[in-house]
Amino acid sequence: MTELTNGILNAEPVLPMDLVGWGTLLLAVLVTVVWLVYLYR
């Protein structure tokens, strides 16, 4: 690997992955609830 690729892989991610994971989970739950409400109205 080149030094540039190594530097990119070793760099800290811009967004904290824990926050991204919880945000994705909450968004998925919200979409599911909205879809169920739309389906069973």
Protein backbone atom coordinates (compact mmCIF):
# COMPACT_ATOMS: atom_id res chain seq x y z
CA MET A 1 0.00 0.00 0.00
CA THR A 2 1.07 3.54 -0.58
CA GLU A 3 1.64 6.01 2.22
CA LEU A 4 -1.45 8.00 1.19
CA THR A 5 -3.74 4.96 1.42
CA ASN A 6 -2.18 4.02 4.74
CA GLY A 7 -2.75 7.53 6.09
CA ILE A 8 -6.39 7.55 5.00
CA LEU A 9 -7.08 4.16 6.58
CA ASN A 10 -5.38 5.12 9.85
CA ALA A 11 -7.07 8.53 10.11
CA GLU A 12 -9.95 9.03 12.50
CA PRO A 13 -13.36 9.04 10.81
CA VAL A 14 -14.99 12.45 10.49
CA LEU A 15 -18.19 11.31 12.20
CA PRO A 16 -18.16 9.19 15.36
CA MET A 17 -19.29 5.77 14.20
CA ASP A 18 -21.25 5.12 17.40
CA LEU A 19 -23.40 8.19 16.75
CA VAL A 20 -23.83 7.22 13.10
CA GLY A 21 -24.95 3.73 14.12
CA TRP A 22 -27.55 5.00 16.59
CA GLY A 23 -28.77 7.59 14.11
CA THR A 24 -29.22 4.91 11.46
CA LEU A 25 -31.10 2.69 13.91
CA LEU A 26 -33.44 5.51 14.97
CA LEU A 27 -34.07 6.49 11.35
CA ALA A 28 -34.89 2.87 10.45
CA VAL A 29 -37.34 2.58 13.36
CA LEU A 30 -38.97 5.88 12.39
CA VAL A 31 -39.36 4.80 8.76
CA THR A 32 -40.85 1.46 9.87
CA VAL A 33 -43.38 3.16 12.20
CA VAL A 34 -44.42 5.66 9.51
CA TRP A 35 -44.80 2.82 6.98
CA LEU A 36 -46.94 0.76 9.39
CA VAL A 37 -49.16 3.76 10.19
CA TYR A 38 -49.59 4.41 6.45
CA LEU A 39 -50.32 0.73 5.77
CA TYR A 40 -52.91 0.25 8.53
CA ARG A 41 -54.72 3.60 8.45
